[in-house]
Amino acid sequence: MRHAEAISERIVQLGGEPTTDPGKIRVGKTIHAMIEDDLEQERSAIELYKVIIEKSSKNNDEITSKMFEHILRDEELHHHLFSELLKSEIKSQD
């Protein structure tokens, strides 16, 4: 939620209106399915944040660029964590 709040605040600062619709929430039927879904969500977020960083840098918006660079590092760590969890789960099933 920390990231969502920071992004919402920045959208308001830039004159926009953040959405209040979080979108569809998916719940996996197994832990494995939930981790795979989380991994995919992190991958999608990483791709989006890289685009935002590139566009904000091109528009000389250093505040937005730096904010998303920080968020991107967190998302990359989350992605790594979920990847490792899946690897360890697969090894434990062998």
N, C-alpha and C. Protein backbone atom coordinates (compact mmCIF):
# COMPACT_ATOMS: atom_id res chain seq x y z
N MET A 1 0.82 -1.21 0.00
CA MET A 1 0.00 0.00 0.00
C MET A 1 0.86 1.27 0.00
N ARG A 2 2.05 1.13 0.52
CA ARG A 2 2.94 2.29 0.59
C ARG A 2 3.21 2.84 -0.81
N HIS A 3 3.44 1.93 -1.76
CA HIS A 3 3.70 2.37 -3.14
C HIS A 3 2.47 3.03 -3.74
N ALA A 4 1.31 2.43 -3.53
CA ALA A 4 0.07 2.98 -4.08
C ALA A 4 -0.19 4.38 -3.54
N GLU A 5 0.06 4.58 -2.26
CA GLU A 5 -0.14 5.90 -1.66
C GLU A 5 0.81 6.92 -2.26
N ALA A 6 2.08 6.55 -2.42
CA ALA A 6 3.07 7.47 -2.98
C ALA A 6 2.72 7.82 -4.43
N ILE A 7 2.32 6.81 -5.20
CA ILE A 7 1.95 7.05 -6.59
C ILE A 7 0.72 7.94 -6.67
N SER A 8 -0.27 7.68 -5.82
CA SER A 8 -1.49 8.51 -5.80
C SER A 8 -1.15 9.96 -5.47
N GLU A 9 -0.30 10.16 -4.48
CA GLU A 9 0.09 11.52 -4.11
C GLU A 9 0.78 12.23 -5.28
N ARG A 10 1.64 11.49 -5.99
CA ARG A 10 2.35 12.10 -7.11
C ARG A 10 1.38 12.44 -8.24
N ILE A 11 0.42 11.57 -8.49
CA ILE A 11 -0.58 11.84 -9.53
C ILE A 11 -1.33 13.13 -9.20
N VAL A 12 -1.71 13.31 -7.95
CA VAL A 12 -2.41 14.53 -7.52
C VAL A 12 -1.50 15.74 -7.70
N GLN A 13 -0.23 15.62 -7.31
CA GLN A 13 0.72 16.73 -7.46
C GLN A 13 0.85 17.16 -8.92
N LEU A 14 0.71 16.20 -9.83
CA LEU A 14 0.84 16.49 -11.26
C LEU A 14 -0.48 16.93 -11.89
N GLY A 15 -1.53 17.05 -11.04
CA GLY A 15 -2.81 17.54 -11.52
C GLY A 15 -3.78 16.47 -11.97
N GLY A 16 -3.45 15.22 -11.71
CA GLY A 16 -4.32 14.12 -12.10
C GLY A 16 -5.21 13.67 -10.96
N GLU A 17 -5.98 12.66 -11.25
CA GLU A 17 -6.87 12.08 -10.24
C GLU A 17 -6.62 10.58 -10.20
N PRO A 18 -6.09 10.08 -9.09
CA PRO A 18 -5.82 8.65 -8.99
C PRO A 18 -7.11 7.84 -8.96
N THR A 19 -7.03 6.63 -9.45
CA THR A 19 -8.19 5.76 -9.45
C THR A 19 -8.46 5.21 -8.05
N THR A 20 -9.71 4.94 -7.79
CA THR A 20 -10.06 4.29 -6.52
C THR A 20 -10.51 2.86 -6.77
N ASP A 21 -10.38 2.41 -8.03
CA ASP A 21 -10.75 1.05 -8.41
C ASP A 21 -9.49 0.21 -8.49
N PRO A 22 -9.31 -0.72 -7.55
CA PRO A 22 -8.07 -1.51 -7.55
C PRO A 22 -8.01 -2.55 -8.66
N GLY A 23 -9.08 -2.74 -9.39
CA GLY A 23 -9.10 -3.76 -10.43
C GLY A 23 -9.48 -5.11 -9.83
N LYS A 24 -9.48 -6.10 -10.67
CA LYS A 24 -9.87 -7.44 -10.24
C LYS A 24 -8.81 -8.04 -9.33
N ILE A 25 -9.24 -8.57 -8.21
CA ILE A 25 -8.34 -9.25 -7.29
C ILE A 25 -8.44 -10.74 -7.55
N ARG A 26 -7.29 -11.34 -7.86
CA ARG A 26 -7.26 -12.77 -8.14
C ARG A 26 -6.75 -13.52 -6.91
N VAL A 27 -7.41 -14.61 -6.61
CA VAL A 27 -7.01 -15.44 -5.48
C VAL A 27 -6.78 -16.86 -6.01
N GLY A 28 -5.55 -17.32 -5.89
CA GLY A 28 -5.23 -18.66 -6.35
C GLY A 28 -5.81 -19.71 -5.42
N LYS A 29 -6.01 -20.89 -5.97
CA LYS A 29 -6.60 -21.97 -5.18
C LYS A 29 -5.53 -22.72 -4.38
N THR A 30 -4.27 -22.56 -4.75
CA THR A 30 -3.16 -23.19 -4.02
C THR A 30 -2.10 -22.14 -3.74
N ILE A 31 -1.23 -22.45 -2.82
CA ILE A 31 -0.12 -21.52 -2.53
C ILE A 31 0.74 -21.34 -3.77
N HIS A 32 1.00 -22.44 -4.46
CA HIS A 32 1.80 -22.37 -5.69
C HIS A 32 1.17 -21.41 -6.70
N ALA A 33 -0.13 -21.53 -6.90
CA ALA A 33 -0.84 -20.66 -7.85
C ALA A 33 -0.77 -19.20 -7.40
N MET A 34 -0.89 -18.97 -6.10
CA MET A 34 -0.82 -17.60 -5.59
C MET A 34 0.56 -17.00 -5.82
N ILE A 35 1.61 -17.79 -5.57
CA ILE A 35 2.97 -17.29 -5.77
C ILE A 35 3.23 -17.04 -7.25
N GLU A 36 2.77 -17.94 -8.11
CA GLU A 36 2.93 -17.72 -9.55
C GLU A 36 2.22 -16.44 -10.00
N ASP A 37 1.03 -16.20 -9.47
CA ASP A 37 0.29 -14.99 -9.82
C ASP A 37 1.04 -13.76 -9.31
N ASP A 38 1.53 -13.82 -8.08
CA ASP A 38 2.30 -12.70 -7.53
C ASP A 38 3.54 -12.43 -8.39
N LEU A 39 4.19 -13.49 -8.81
CA LEU A 39 5.38 -13.35 -9.65
C LEU A 39 5.03 -12.64 -10.96
N GLU A 40 3.93 -13.01 -11.57
CA GLU A 40 3.49 -12.38 -12.82
C GLU A 40 3.12 -10.91 -12.58
N GLN A 41 2.45 -10.63 -11.48
CA GLN A 41 2.07 -9.25 -11.16
C GLN A 41 3.32 -8.38 -10.96
N GLU A 42 4.33 -8.93 -10.29
CA GLU A 42 5.58 -8.19 -10.08
C GLU A 42 6.27 -7.94 -11.43
N ARG A 43 6.29 -8.95 -12.31
CA ARG A 43 6.91 -8.80 -13.62
C ARG A 43 6.23 -7.69 -14.42
N SER A 44 4.92 -7.69 -14.38
CA SER A 44 4.16 -6.65 -15.10
C SER A 44 4.44 -5.27 -14.52
N ALA A 45 4.49 -5.18 -13.21
CA ALA A 45 4.77 -3.90 -12.56
C ALA A 45 6.17 -3.41 -12.92
N ILE A 46 7.14 -4.32 -12.94
CA ILE A 46 8.52 -3.95 -13.29
C ILE A 46 8.57 -3.37 -14.69
N GLU A 47 7.90 -4.01 -15.63
CA GLU A 47 7.87 -3.49 -17.01
C GLU A 47 7.24 -2.10 -17.06
N LEU A 48 6.10 -1.94 -16.39
CA LEU A 48 5.42 -0.65 -16.38
C LEU A 48 6.28 0.44 -15.74
N TYR A 49 6.90 0.14 -14.62
CA TYR A 49 7.71 1.14 -13.92
C TYR A 49 8.92 1.56 -14.74
N LYS A 50 9.49 0.64 -15.50
CA LYS A 50 10.62 1.00 -16.37
C LYS A 50 10.17 1.99 -17.44
N VAL A 51 8.98 1.79 -17.98
CA VAL A 51 8.44 2.72 -18.97
C VAL A 51 8.20 4.09 -18.34
N ILE A 52 7.63 4.10 -17.13
CA ILE A 52 7.36 5.36 -16.44
C ILE A 52 8.67 6.10 -16.17
N ILE A 53 9.69 5.38 -15.74
CA ILE A 53 11.00 6.00 -15.47
C ILE A 53 11.56 6.61 -16.75
N GLU A 54 11.47 5.88 -17.85
CA GLU A 54 11.98 6.37 -19.12
C GLU A 54 11.24 7.63 -19.57
N LYS A 55 9.91 7.60 -19.49
CA LYS A 55 9.12 8.75 -19.94
C LYS A 55 9.30 9.95 -19.03
N SER A 56 9.35 9.72 -17.73
CA SER A 56 9.51 10.86 -16.82
C SER A 56 10.91 11.46 -16.97
N SER A 57 11.90 10.63 -17.23
CA SER A 57 13.25 11.15 -17.46
C SER A 57 13.30 11.99 -18.73
N LYS A 58 12.66 11.51 -19.80
CA LYS A 58 12.62 12.27 -21.06
C LYS A 58 11.91 13.60 -20.88
N ASN A 59 10.96 13.66 -19.94
CA ASN A 59 10.22 14.90 -19.68
C ASN A 59 10.82 15.72 -18.56
N ASN A 60 12.04 15.38 -18.16
CA ASN A 60 12.77 16.09 -17.11
C ASN A 60 12.01 16.13 -15.79
N ASP A 61 11.25 15.09 -15.51
CA ASP A 61 10.51 14.99 -14.24
C ASP A 61 11.32 14.08 -13.31
N GLU A 62 12.30 14.67 -12.70
CA GLU A 62 13.23 13.92 -11.86
C GLU A 62 12.54 13.36 -10.61
N ILE A 63 11.57 14.06 -10.08
CA ILE A 63 10.87 13.59 -8.88
C ILE A 63 10.16 12.27 -9.16
N THR A 64 9.40 12.23 -10.25
CA THR A 64 8.69 11.00 -10.61
C THR A 64 9.68 9.90 -10.95
N SER A 65 10.70 10.22 -11.70
CA SER A 65 11.70 9.23 -12.10
C SER A 65 12.36 8.60 -10.87
N LYS A 66 12.80 9.40 -9.94
CA LYS A 66 13.47 8.89 -8.72
C LYS A 66 12.50 8.07 -7.88
N MET A 67 11.26 8.52 -7.77
CA MET A 67 10.27 7.78 -6.98
C MET A 67 10.08 6.38 -7.56
N PHE A 68 9.93 6.31 -8.89
CA PHE A 68 9.71 5.01 -9.51
C PHE A 68 10.97 4.16 -9.54
N GLU A 69 12.14 4.76 -9.55
CA GLU A 69 13.37 3.98 -9.43
C GLU A 69 13.41 3.28 -8.08
N HIS A 70 12.99 3.98 -7.05
CA HIS A 70 12.94 3.38 -5.71
C HIS A 70 11.92 2.25 -5.66
N ILE A 71 10.73 2.51 -6.20
CA ILE A 71 9.68 1.49 -6.21
C ILE A 71 10.12 0.29 -7.05
N LEU A 72 10.79 0.56 -8.18
CA LEU A 72 11.27 -0.52 -9.05
C LEU A 72 12.23 -1.45 -8.29
N ARG A 73 13.13 -0.89 -7.52
CA ARG A 73 14.05 -1.73 -6.73
C ARG A 73 13.28 -2.65 -5.80
N ASP A 74 12.25 -2.12 -5.15
CA ASP A 74 11.43 -2.94 -4.26
C ASP A 74 10.74 -4.06 -5.04
N GLU A 75 10.19 -3.72 -6.19
CA GLU A 75 9.47 -4.73 -6.99
C GLU A 75 10.42 -5.80 -7.51
N GLU A 76 11.63 -5.41 -7.87
CA GLU A 76 12.61 -6.40 -8.31
C GLU A 76 12.99 -7.35 -7.17
N LEU A 77 13.06 -6.83 -5.96
CA LEU A 77 13.32 -7.69 -4.80
C LEU A 77 12.16 -8.65 -4.56
N HIS A 78 10.95 -8.14 -4.70
CA HIS A 78 9.76 -9.00 -4.54
C HIS A 78 9.76 -10.11 -5.59
N HIS A 79 10.07 -9.74 -6.83
CA HIS A 79 10.11 -10.71 -7.92
C HIS A 79 11.13 -11.81 -7.61
N HIS A 80 12.28 -11.40 -7.14
CA HIS A 80 13.33 -12.37 -6.79
C HIS A 80 12.85 -13.29 -5.66
N LEU A 81 12.21 -12.73 -4.67
CA LEU A 81 11.71 -13.52 -3.55
C LEU A 81 10.70 -14.56 -4.02
N PHE A 82 9.74 -14.14 -4.83
CA PHE A 82 8.74 -15.09 -5.32
C PHE A 82 9.37 -16.15 -6.21
N SER A 83 10.36 -15.77 -7.01
CA SER A 83 11.07 -16.75 -7.84
C SER A 83 11.75 -17.80 -6.98
N GLU A 84 12.41 -17.34 -5.92
CA GLU A 84 13.10 -18.27 -5.02
C GLU A 84 12.11 -19.16 -4.28
N LEU A 85 10.98 -18.62 -3.90
CA LEU A 85 9.96 -19.44 -3.24
C LEU A 85 9.46 -20.55 -4.17
N LEU A 86 9.25 -20.23 -5.42
CA LEU A 86 8.81 -21.25 -6.38
C LEU A 86 9.89 -22.31 -6.59
N LYS A 87 11.14 -21.88 -6.68
CA LYS A 87 12.24 -22.84 -6.85
C LYS A 87 12.33 -23.78 -5.66
N SER A 88 12.24 -23.21 -4.45
CA SER A 88 12.34 -24.06 -3.26
C SER A 88 11.14 -25.00 -3.13
N GLU A 89 9.98 -24.55 -3.58
CA GLU A 89 8.81 -25.42 -3.53
C GLU A 89 8.96 -26.58 -4.48
N ILE A 90 9.50 -26.30 -5.68
CA ILE A 90 9.69 -27.36 -6.66
C ILE A 90 10.73 -28.37 -6.16
N LYS A 91 11.80 -27.87 -5.56
CA LYS A 91 12.83 -28.77 -5.02
C LYS A 91 12.29 -29.64 -3.91
N SER A 92 11.42 -29.07 -3.07
CA SER A 92 10.87 -29.84 -1.94
C SER A 92 9.91 -30.92 -2.41
N GLN A 93 9.37 -30.77 -3.62
CA GLN A 93 8.45 -31.77 -4.15
C GLN A 93 9.20 -32.93 -4.80
N ASP A 94 10.49 -32.74 -5.10
CA ASP A 94 11.28 -33.81 -5.72
C ASP A 94 11.63 -34.92 -4.76
